[in-house]
Amino acid sequence: MTEIRQTDQYARWFNKLKDLRAKARIDIRIRRLSLGNPGDAEPIGKGLSELRIDYGQGYRVYFMKRGEEFILLLAGGDKSSQQRDIKLAHELAENM
């Protein structure tokens, strides 16, 4: 199992979510990601990917993988904030 790490930005976003079912679905997808099964995920450039959760508002989790060492969860959002969230994920990754 690959270690999952998260930025403060991601943790704040996740902790603000009020929909408990959405949080559970996101947790399940991240667990599957750690086991090597990303499911519905697409590259967004510069080594980053978008994990798409088809539930509610269309939640998104932006992450980068560092070999087999760890996966870093950069940011989260939903379909309505997708472009802004992708830009933020790229900025966070550049500052790592």
PDB file of N, CA and C in Angstrom:
ATOM      1  N   MET A   1       0.840  -1.172   0.000  1.00  0.00           N
ATOM      2  CA  MET A   1       0.000   0.000   0.000  1.00  0.00           C
ATOM      3  C   MET A   1       0.893   1.245   0.000  1.00  0.00           C
ATOM      4  N   THR A   2       0.581   2.192  -0.866  1.00  0.00           N
ATOM      5  CA  THR A   2       1.326   3.439  -0.967  1.00  0.00           C
ATOM      6  C   THR A   2       0.852   4.405   0.116  1.00  0.00           C
ATOM      7  N   GLU A   3       1.803   5.071   0.748  1.00  0.00           N
ATOM      8  CA  GLU A   3       1.465   6.047   1.794  1.00  0.00           C
ATOM      9  C   GLU A   3       0.757   7.250   1.177  1.00  0.00           C
ATOM     10  N   ILE A   4      -0.276   7.735   1.854  1.00  0.00           N
ATOM     11  CA  ILE A   4      -1.001   8.929   1.427  1.00  0.00           C
ATOM     12  C   ILE A   4      -0.625  10.075   2.356  1.00  0.00           C
ATOM     13  N   ARG A   5      -0.209  11.185   1.758  1.00  0.00           N
ATOM     14  CA  ARG A   5       0.068  12.407   2.514  1.00  0.00           C
ATOM     15  C   ARG A   5      -0.852  13.496   1.977  1.00  0.00           C
ATOM     16  N   GLN A   6      -1.055  14.537   2.759  1.00  0.00           N
ATOM     17  CA  GLN A   6      -1.929  15.612   2.301  1.00  0.00           C
ATOM     18  C   GLN A   6      -1.380  16.973   2.707  1.00  0.00           C
ATOM     19  N   THR A   7      -1.675  17.955   1.870  1.00  0.00           N
ATOM     20  CA  THR A   7      -1.301  19.325   2.189  1.00  0.00           C
ATOM     21  C   THR A   7      -2.313  19.890   3.179  1.00  0.00           C
ATOM     22  N   ASP A   8      -1.937  20.986   3.829  1.00  0.00           N
ATOM     23  CA  ASP A   8      -2.877  21.678   4.716  1.00  0.00           C
ATOM     24  C   ASP A   8      -4.090  22.160   3.927  1.00  0.00           C
ATOM     25  N   GLN A   9      -3.850  22.576   2.686  1.00  0.00           N
ATOM     26  CA  GLN A   9      -4.939  23.050   1.822  1.00  0.00           C
ATOM     27  C   GLN A   9      -5.976  21.949   1.621  1.00  0.00           C
ATOM     28  N   TYR A  10      -5.511  20.745   1.308  1.00  0.00           N
ATOM     29  CA  TYR A  10      -6.436  19.625   1.118  1.00  0.00           C
ATOM     30  C   TYR A  10      -7.177  19.323   2.421  1.00  0.00           C
ATOM     31  N   ALA A  11      -6.460  19.263   3.531  1.00  0.00           N
ATOM     32  CA  ALA A  11      -7.078  18.935   4.823  1.00  0.00           C
ATOM     33  C   ALA A  11      -8.165  19.946   5.177  1.00  0.00           C
ATOM     34  N   ARG A  12      -7.901  21.231   4.954  1.00  0.00           N
ATOM     35  CA  ARG A  12      -8.920  22.260   5.240  1.00  0.00           C
ATOM     36  C   ARG A  12     -10.152  22.054   4.378  1.00  0.00           C
ATOM     37  N   TRP A  13      -9.950  21.806   3.086  1.00  0.00           N
ATOM     38  CA  TRP A  13     -11.090  21.588   2.187  1.00  0.00           C
ATOM     39  C   TRP A  13     -11.911  20.389   2.652  1.00  0.00           C
ATOM     40  N   PHE A  14     -11.234  19.276   2.919  1.00  0.00           N
ATOM     41  CA  PHE A  14     -11.937  18.050   3.300  1.00  0.00           C
ATOM     42  C   PHE A  14     -12.686  18.239   4.621  1.00  0.00           C
ATOM     43  N   ASN A  15     -12.067  18.875   5.589  1.00  0.00           N
ATOM     44  CA  ASN A  15     -12.699  19.069   6.893  1.00  0.00           C
ATOM     45  C   ASN A  15     -13.899  20.000   6.837  1.00  0.00           C
ATOM     46  N   LYS A  16     -13.954  20.883   5.838  1.00  0.00           N
ATOM     47  CA  LYS A  16     -15.094  21.794   5.685  1.00  0.00           C
ATOM     48  C   LYS A  16     -16.305  21.127   5.041  1.00  0.00           C
ATOM     49  N   LEU A  17     -16.104  19.986   4.397  1.00  0.00           N
ATOM     50  CA  LEU A  17     -17.227  19.305   3.748  1.00  0.00           C
ATOM     51  C   LEU A  17     -18.258  18.903   4.793  1.00  0.00           C
ATOM     52  N   LYS A  18     -19.516  19.213   4.506  1.00  0.00           N
ATOM     53  CA  LYS A  18     -20.592  18.880   5.439  1.00  0.00           C
ATOM     54  C   LYS A  18     -21.293  17.573   5.077  1.00  0.00           C
ATOM     55  N   ASP A  19     -21.228  17.191   3.818  1.00  0.00           N
ATOM     56  CA  ASP A  19     -21.895  15.982   3.338  1.00  0.00           C
ATOM     57  C   ASP A  19     -21.085  14.753   3.767  1.00  0.00           C
ATOM     58  N   LEU A  20     -21.582  14.051   4.776  1.00  0.00           N
ATOM     59  CA  LEU A  20     -20.853  12.897   5.315  1.00  0.00           C
ATOM     60  C   LEU A  20     -20.728  11.763   4.305  1.00  0.00           C
ATOM     61  N   ARG A  21     -21.730  11.590   3.461  1.00  0.00           N
ATOM     62  CA  ARG A  21     -21.642  10.548   2.426  1.00  0.00           C
ATOM     63  C   ARG A  21     -20.563  10.894   1.407  1.00  0.00           C
ATOM     64  N   ALA A  22     -20.474  12.159   1.061  1.00  0.00           N
ATOM     65  CA  ALA A  22     -19.424  12.589   0.129  1.00  0.00           C
ATOM     66  C   ALA A  22     -18.053  12.334   0.743  1.00  0.00           C
ATOM     67  N   LYS A  23     -17.892  12.676   2.016  1.00  0.00           N
ATOM     68  CA  LYS A  23     -16.609  12.442   2.691  1.00  0.00           C
ATOM     69  C   LYS A  23     -16.263  10.955   2.689  1.00  0.00           C
ATOM     70  N   ALA A  24     -17.258  10.115   2.939  1.00  0.00           N
ATOM     71  CA  ALA A  24     -17.021   8.667   2.950  1.00  0.00           C
ATOM     72  C   ALA A  24     -16.613   8.180   1.565  1.00  0.00           C
ATOM     73  N   ARG A  25     -17.281   8.668   0.529  1.00  0.00           N
ATOM     74  CA  ARG A  25     -16.937   8.251  -0.836  1.00  0.00           C
ATOM     75  C   ARG A  25     -15.534   8.711  -1.225  1.00  0.00           C
ATOM     76  N   ILE A  26     -15.183   9.918  -0.825  1.00  0.00           N
ATOM     77  CA  ILE A  26     -13.839  10.424  -1.110  1.00  0.00           C
ATOM     78  C   ILE A  26     -12.807   9.578  -0.377  1.00  0.00           C
ATOM     79  N   ASP A  27     -13.062   9.268   0.888  1.00  0.00           N
ATOM     80  CA  ASP A  27     -12.142   8.411   1.657  1.00  0.00           C
ATOM     81  C   ASP A  27     -11.950   7.050   0.997  1.00  0.00           C
ATOM     82  N   ILE A  28     -13.034   6.467   0.521  1.00  0.00           N
ATOM     83  CA  ILE A  28     -12.956   5.155  -0.140  1.00  0.00           C
ATOM     84  C   ILE A  28     -12.103   5.249  -1.402  1.00  0.00           C
ATOM     85  N   ARG A  29     -12.313   6.300  -2.190  1.00  0.00           N
ATOM     86  CA  ARG A  29     -11.535   6.461  -3.428  1.00  0.00           C
ATOM     87  C   ARG A  29     -10.052   6.655  -3.133  1.00  0.00           C
ATOM     88  N   ILE A  30      -9.747   7.388  -2.079  1.00  0.00           N
ATOM     89  CA  ILE A  30      -8.343   7.603  -1.720  1.00  0.00           C
ATOM     90  C   ILE A  30      -7.722   6.302  -1.236  1.00  0.00           C
ATOM     91  N   ARG A  31      -8.470   5.518  -0.507  1.00  0.00           N
ATOM     92  CA  ARG A  31      -7.962   4.203  -0.065  1.00  0.00           C
ATOM     93  C   ARG A  31      -7.667   3.329  -1.282  1.00  0.00           C
ATOM     94  N   ARG A  32      -8.595   3.303  -2.252  1.00  0.00           N
ATOM     95  CA  ARG A  32      -8.370   2.528  -3.477  1.00  0.00           C
ATOM     96  C   ARG A  32      -7.149   3.047  -4.235  1.00  0.00           C
ATOM     97  N   LEU A  33      -6.991   4.369  -4.259  1.00  0.00           N
ATOM     98  CA  LEU A  33      -5.827   4.975  -4.898  1.00  0.00           C
ATOM     99  C   LEU A  33      -4.543   4.475  -4.239  1.00  0.00           C
ATOM    100  N   SER A  34      -4.533   4.397  -2.923  1.00  0.00           N
ATOM    101  CA  SER A  34      -3.339   3.938  -2.200  1.00  0.00           C
ATOM    102  C   SER A  34      -3.020   2.478  -2.494  1.00  0.00           C
ATOM    103  N   LEU A  35      -4.036   1.725  -2.904  1.00  0.00           N
ATOM    104  CA  LEU A  35      -3.852   0.313  -3.234  1.00  0.00           C
ATOM    105  C   LEU A  35      -3.531   0.096  -4.711  1.00  0.00           C
ATOM    106  N   GLY A  36      -3.395   1.203  -5.467  1.00  0.00           N
ATOM    107  CA  GLY A  36      -3.024   1.103  -6.871  1.00  0.00           C
ATOM    108  C   GLY A  36      -4.180   1.108  -7.842  1.00  0.00           C
ATOM    109  N   ASN A  37      -5.387   1.390  -7.369  1.00  0.00           N
ATOM    110  CA  ASN A  37      -6.567   1.414  -8.220  1.00  0.00           C
ATOM    111  C   ASN A  37      -7.176   2.815  -8.211  1.00  0.00           C
ATOM    112  N   PRO A  38      -6.702   3.705  -9.081  1.00  0.00           N
ATOM    113  CA  PRO A  38      -7.206   5.075  -9.057  1.00  0.00           C
ATOM    114  C   PRO A  38      -8.627   5.234  -9.590  1.00  0.00           C
ATOM    115  N   GLY A  39      -9.107   4.286 -10.370  1.00  0.00           N
ATOM    116  CA  GLY A  39     -10.452   4.439 -10.929  1.00  0.00           C
ATOM    117  C   GLY A  39     -10.486   5.592 -11.910  1.00  0.00           C
ATOM    118  N   ASP A  40     -11.497   6.444 -11.798  1.00  0.00           N
ATOM    119  CA  ASP A  40     -11.691   7.565 -12.711  1.00  0.00           C
ATOM    120  C   ASP A  40     -10.725   8.694 -12.349  1.00  0.00           C
ATOM    121  N   ALA A  41      -9.570   8.685 -12.983  1.00  0.00           N
ATOM    122  CA  ALA A  41      -8.544   9.706 -12.741  1.00  0.00           C
ATOM    123  C   ALA A  41      -7.941  10.106 -14.079  1.00  0.00           C
ATOM    124  N   GLU A  42      -7.676  11.394 -14.219  1.00  0.00           N
ATOM    125  CA  GLU A  42      -7.115  11.911 -15.466  1.00  0.00           C
ATOM    126  C   GLU A  42      -5.913  12.801 -15.171  1.00  0.00           C
ATOM    127  N   PRO A  43      -4.882  12.738 -16.006  1.00  0.00           N
ATOM    128  CA  PRO A  43      -3.752  13.652 -15.837  1.00  0.00           C
ATOM    129  C   PRO A  43      -4.176  15.087 -16.146  1.00  0.00           C
ATOM    130  N   ILE A  44      -3.622  16.038 -15.388  1.00  0.00           N
ATOM    131  CA  ILE A  44      -3.918  17.455 -15.630  1.00  0.00           C
ATOM    132  C   ILE A  44      -2.640  18.230 -15.949  1.00  0.00           C
ATOM    133  N   GLY A  45      -1.575  17.508 -16.242  1.00  0.00           N
ATOM    134  CA  GLY A  45      -0.318  18.137 -16.640  1.00  0.00           C
ATOM    135  C   GLY A  45       0.673  18.279 -15.505  1.00  0.00           C
ATOM    136  N   LYS A  46       1.941  18.349 -15.878  1.00  0.00           N
ATOM    137  CA  LYS A  46       3.055  18.550 -14.946  1.00  0.00           C
ATOM    138  C   LYS A  46       3.107  17.493 -13.846  1.00  0.00           C
ATOM    139  N   GLY A  47       2.720  16.262 -14.179  1.00  0.00           N
ATOM    140  CA  GLY A  47       2.805  15.164 -13.222  1.00  0.00           C
ATOM    141  C   GLY A  47       1.672  15.097 -12.218  1.00  0.00           C
ATOM    142  N   LEU A  48       0.646  15.918 -12.398  1.00  0.00           N
ATOM    143  CA  LEU A  48      -0.497  15.928 -11.484  1.00  0.00           C
ATOM    144  C   LEU A  48      -1.681  15.211 -12.115  1.00  0.00           C
ATOM    145  N   SER A  49      -2.580  14.736 -11.263  1.00  0.00           N
ATOM    146  CA  SER A  49      -3.782  14.058 -11.741  1.00  0.00           C
ATOM    147  C   SER A  49      -4.993  14.524 -10.953  1.00  0.00           C
ATOM    148  N   GLU A  50      -6.150  14.309 -11.568  1.00  0.00           N
ATOM    149  CA  GLU A  50      -7.433  14.666 -10.975  1.00  0.00           C
ATOM    150  C   GLU A  50      -8.216  13.381 -10.730  1.00  0.00           C
ATOM    151  N   LEU A  51      -8.555  13.130  -9.492  1.00  0.00           N
ATOM    152  CA  LEU A  51      -9.385  11.991  -9.111  1.00  0.00           C
ATOM    153  C   LEU A  51     -10.825  12.486  -9.127  1.00  0.00           C
ATOM    154  N   ARG A  52     -11.668  11.869  -9.967  1.00  0.00           N
ATOM    155  CA  ARG A  52     -13.043  12.342 -10.109  1.00  0.00           C
ATOM    156  C   ARG A  52     -13.993  11.423  -9.353  1.00  0.00           C
ATOM    157  N   ILE A  53     -14.773  12.020  -8.465  1.00  0.00           N
ATOM    158  CA  ILE A  53     -15.740  11.272  -7.671  1.00  0.00           C
ATOM    159  C   ILE A  53     -17.126  11.646  -8.181  1.00  0.00           C
ATOM    160  N   ASP A  54     -17.794  10.697  -8.804  1.00  0.00           N
ATOM    161  CA  ASP A  54     -19.099  10.938  -9.417  1.00  0.00           C
ATOM    162  C   ASP A  54     -20.191  10.827  -8.353  1.00  0.00           C
ATOM    163  N   TYR A  55     -20.296  11.882  -7.558  1.00  0.00           N
ATOM    164  CA  TYR A  55     -21.297  11.926  -6.498  1.00  0.00           C
ATOM    165  C   TYR A  55     -21.565  13.391  -6.173  1.00  0.00           C
ATOM    166  N   GLY A  56     -22.797  13.703  -5.882  1.00  0.00           N
ATOM    167  CA  GLY A  56     -23.148  15.064  -5.472  1.00  0.00           C
ATOM    168  C   GLY A  56     -22.736  16.093  -6.498  1.00  0.00           C
ATOM    169  N   GLN A  57     -21.901  17.015  -6.077  1.00  0.00           N
ATOM    170  CA  GLN A  57     -21.474  18.130  -6.926  1.00  0.00           C
ATOM    171  C   GLN A  57     -20.353  17.761  -7.887  1.00  0.00           C
ATOM    172  N   GLY A  58     -19.980  16.496  -7.928  1.00  0.00           N
ATOM    173  CA  GLY A  58     -18.877  16.075  -8.790  1.00  0.00           C
ATOM    174  C   GLY A  58     -17.548  16.444  -8.168  1.00  0.00           C
ATOM    175  N   TYR A  59     -17.246  15.826  -7.047  1.00  0.00           N
ATOM    176  CA  TYR A  59     -16.044  16.157  -6.282  1.00  0.00           C
ATOM    177  C   TYR A  59     -14.779  15.767  -7.037  1.00  0.00           C
ATOM    178  N   ARG A  60     -13.715  16.558  -6.801  1.00  0.00           N
ATOM    179  CA  ARG A  60     -12.415  16.341  -7.423  1.00  0.00           C
ATOM    180  C   ARG A  60     -11.336  16.390  -6.344  1.00  0.00           C
ATOM    181  N   VAL A  61     -10.340  15.515  -6.476  1.00  0.00           N
ATOM    182  CA  VAL A  61      -9.170  15.536  -5.605  1.00  0.00           C
ATOM    183  C   VAL A  61      -7.948  15.577  -6.515  1.00  0.00           C
ATOM    184  N   TYR A  62      -7.074  16.539  -6.281  1.00  0.00           N
ATOM    185  CA  TYR A  62      -5.886  16.729  -7.107  1.00  0.00           C
ATOM    186  C   TYR A  62      -4.682  16.178  -6.363  1.00  0.00           C
ATOM    187  N   PHE A  63      -3.894  15.361  -7.057  1.00  0.00           N
ATOM    188  CA  PHE A  63      -2.794  14.677  -6.388  1.00  0.00           C
ATOM    189  C   PHE A  63      -1.591  14.516  -7.302  1.00  0.00           C
ATOM    190  N   MET A  64      -0.459  14.233  -6.663  1.00  0.00           N
ATOM    191  CA  MET A  64       0.762  13.896  -7.384  1.00  0.00           C
ATOM    192  C   MET A  64       1.348  12.653  -6.739  1.00  0.00           C
ATOM    193  N   LYS A  65       1.949  11.826  -7.554  1.00  0.00           N
ATOM    194  CA  LYS A  65       2.546  10.585  -7.068  1.00  0.00           C
ATOM    195  C   LYS A  65       4.058  10.708  -7.143  1.00  0.00           C
ATOM    196  N   ARG A  66       4.725  10.266  -6.107  1.00  0.00           N
ATOM    197  CA  ARG A  66       6.182  10.261  -6.060  1.00  0.00           C
ATOM    198  C   ARG A  66       6.652   8.816  -6.032  1.00  0.00           C
ATOM    199  N   GLY A  67       6.804   8.245  -7.220  1.00  0.00           N
ATOM    200  CA  GLY A  67       7.234   6.853  -7.351  1.00  0.00           C
ATOM    201  C   GLY A  67       6.332   5.936  -6.551  1.00  0.00           C
ATOM    202  N   GLU A  68       6.931   4.993  -5.881  1.00  0.00           N
ATOM    203  CA  GLU A  68       6.170   4.084  -5.025  1.00  0.00           C
ATOM    204  C   GLU A  68       6.187   4.553  -3.573  1.00  0.00           C
ATOM    205  N   GLU A  69       6.830   5.702  -3.332  1.00  0.00           N
ATOM    206  CA  GLU A  69       6.987   6.189  -1.968  1.00  0.00           C
ATOM    207  C   GLU A  69       5.686   6.710  -1.373  1.00  0.00           C
ATOM    208  N   PHE A  70       5.072   7.687  -2.050  1.00  0.00           N
ATOM    209  CA  PHE A  70       3.848   8.261  -1.500  1.00  0.00           C
ATOM    210  C   PHE A  70       3.044   8.982  -2.571  1.00  0.00           C
ATOM    211  N   ILE A  71       1.789   9.248  -2.227  1.00  0.00           N
ATOM    212  CA  ILE A  71       0.888  10.063  -3.030  1.00  0.00           C
ATOM    213  C   ILE A  71       0.557  11.278  -2.179  1.00  0.00           C
ATOM    214  N   LEU A  72       0.679  12.470  -2.760  1.00  0.00           N
ATOM    215  CA  LEU A  72       0.391  13.699  -2.040  1.00  0.00           C
ATOM    216  C   LEU A  72      -0.920  14.287  -2.544  1.00  0.00           C
ATOM    217  N   LEU A  73      -1.888  14.408  -1.649  1.00  0.00           N
ATOM    218  CA  LEU A  73      -3.159  15.045  -1.971  1.00  0.00           C
ATOM    219  C   LEU A  73      -2.953  16.549  -1.860  1.00  0.00           C
ATOM    220  N   LEU A  74      -3.098  17.256  -2.969  1.00  0.00           N
ATOM    221  CA  LEU A  74      -2.788  18.682  -3.014  1.00  0.00           C
ATOM    222  C   LEU A  74      -3.977  19.558  -2.657  1.00  0.00           C
ATOM    223  N   ALA A  75      -5.122  19.293  -3.287  1.00  0.00           N
ATOM    224  CA  ALA A  75      -6.292  20.150  -3.114  1.00  0.00           C
ATOM    225  C   ALA A  75      -7.540  19.368  -3.487  1.00  0.00           C
ATOM    226  N   GLY A  76      -8.673  19.938  -3.166  1.00  0.00           N
ATOM    227  CA  GLY A  76      -9.946  19.324  -3.518  1.00  0.00           C
ATOM    228  C   GLY A  76     -10.935  20.392  -3.924  1.00  0.00           C
ATOM    229  N   GLY A  77     -12.001  19.955  -4.547  1.00  0.00           N
ATOM    230  CA  GLY A  77     -13.037  20.882  -4.977  1.00  0.00           C
ATOM    231  C   GLY A  77     -14.159  20.117  -5.636  1.00  0.00           C
ATOM    232  N   ASP A  78     -14.934  20.827  -6.437  1.00  0.00           N
ATOM    233  CA  ASP A  78     -15.997  20.174  -7.192  1.00  0.00           C
ATOM    234  C   ASP A  78     -15.998  20.734  -8.615  1.00  0.00           C
ATOM    235  N   LYS A  79     -16.921  20.258  -9.403  1.00  0.00           N
ATOM    236  CA  LYS A  79     -16.958  20.627 -10.819  1.00  0.00           C
ATOM    237  C   LYS A  79     -17.038  22.147 -11.005  1.00  0.00           C
ATOM    238  N   SER A  80     -17.765  22.836 -10.118  1.00  0.00           N
ATOM    239  CA  SER A  80     -17.960  24.279 -10.290  1.00  0.00           C
ATOM    240  C   SER A  80     -16.672  25.083 -10.089  1.00  0.00           C
ATOM    241  N   SER A  81     -15.729  24.559  -9.335  1.00  0.00           N
ATOM    242  CA  SER A  81     -14.478  25.287  -9.067  1.00  0.00           C
ATOM    243  C   SER A  81     -13.275  24.614  -9.725  1.00  0.00           C
ATOM    244  N   GLN A  82     -13.530  23.747 -10.688  1.00  0.00           N
ATOM    245  CA  GLN A  82     -12.497  22.895 -11.271  1.00  0.00           C
ATOM    246  C   GLN A  82     -11.292  23.672 -11.804  1.00  0.00           C
ATOM    247  N   GLN A  83     -11.508  24.680 -12.616  1.00  0.00           N
ATOM    248  CA  GLN A  83     -10.374  25.406 -13.209  1.00  0.00           C
ATOM    249  C   GLN A  83      -9.545  26.113 -12.144  1.00  0.00           C
ATOM    250  N   ARG A  84     -10.206  26.724 -11.182  1.00  0.00           N
ATOM    251  CA  ARG A  84      -9.511  27.394 -10.080  1.00  0.00           C
ATOM    252  C   ARG A  84      -8.719  26.380  -9.247  1.00  0.00           C
ATOM    253  N   ASP A  85      -9.322  25.206  -9.002  1.00  0.00           N
ATOM    254  CA  ASP A  85      -8.669  24.168  -8.202  1.00  0.00           C
ATOM    255  C   ASP A  85      -7.455  23.576  -8.915  1.00  0.00           C
ATOM    256  N   ILE A  86      -7.550  23.408 -10.222  1.00  0.00           N
ATOM    257  CA  ILE A  86      -6.416  22.893 -10.999  1.00  0.00           C
ATOM    258  C   ILE A  86      -5.249  23.880 -10.923  1.00  0.00           C
ATOM    259  N   LYS A  87      -5.553  25.163 -11.066  1.00  0.00           N
ATOM    260  CA  LYS A  87      -4.508  26.188 -10.967  1.00  0.00           C
ATOM    261  C   LYS A  87      -3.854  26.143  -9.586  1.00  0.00           C
ATOM    262  N   LEU A  88      -4.666  26.025  -8.537  1.00  0.00           N
ATOM    263  CA  LEU A  88      -4.139  25.943  -7.174  1.00  0.00           C
ATOM    264  C   LEU A  88      -3.256  24.710  -7.000  1.00  0.00           C
ATOM    265  N   ALA A  89      -3.695  23.568  -7.523  1.00  0.00           N
ATOM    266  CA  ALA A  89      -2.914  22.332  -7.404  1.00  0.00           C
ATOM    267  C   ALA A  89      -1.549  22.492  -8.069  1.00  0.00           C
ATOM    268  N   HIS A  90      -1.521  23.118  -9.239  1.00  0.00           N
ATOM    269  CA  HIS A  90      -0.244  23.356  -9.926  1.00  0.00           C
ATOM    270  C   HIS A  90       0.657  24.279  -9.102  1.00  0.00           C
ATOM    271  N   GLU A  91       0.076  25.322  -8.518  1.00  0.00           N
ATOM    272  CA  GLU A  91       0.866  26.244  -7.692  1.00  0.00           C
ATOM    273  C   GLU A  91       1.434  25.528  -6.468  1.00  0.00           C
ATOM    274  N   LEU A  92       0.606  24.715  -5.811  1.00  0.00           N
ATOM    275  CA  LEU A  92       1.068  23.975  -4.633  1.00  0.00           C
ATOM    276  C   LEU A  92       2.201  23.015  -4.999  1.00  0.00           C
ATOM    277  N   ALA A  93       2.047  22.324  -6.129  1.00  0.00           N
ATOM    278  CA  ALA A  93       3.071  21.362  -6.558  1.00  0.00           C
ATOM    279  C   ALA A  93       4.391  22.064  -6.870  1.00  0.00           C
ATOM    280  N   GLU A  94       4.316  23.231  -7.483  1.00  0.00           N
ATOM    281  CA  GLU A  94       5.536  23.975  -7.820  1.00  0.00           C
ATOM    282  C   GLU A  94       6.287  24.413  -6.573  1.00  0.00           C
ATOM    283  N   ASN A  95       5.568  24.625  -5.481  1.00  0.00           N
ATOM    284  CA  ASN A  95       6.186  25.092  -4.235  1.00  0.00           C
ATOM    285  C   ASN A  95       6.617  23.958  -3.317  1.00  0.00           C
ATOM    286  N   MET A  96       6.519  22.717  -3.776  1.00  0.00           N
ATOM    287  CA  MET A  96       6.915  21.567  -2.954  1.00  0.00           C
ATOM    288  C   MET A  96       8.408  21.351  -3.054  1.00  0.00           C
TER     289      MET A  96
END
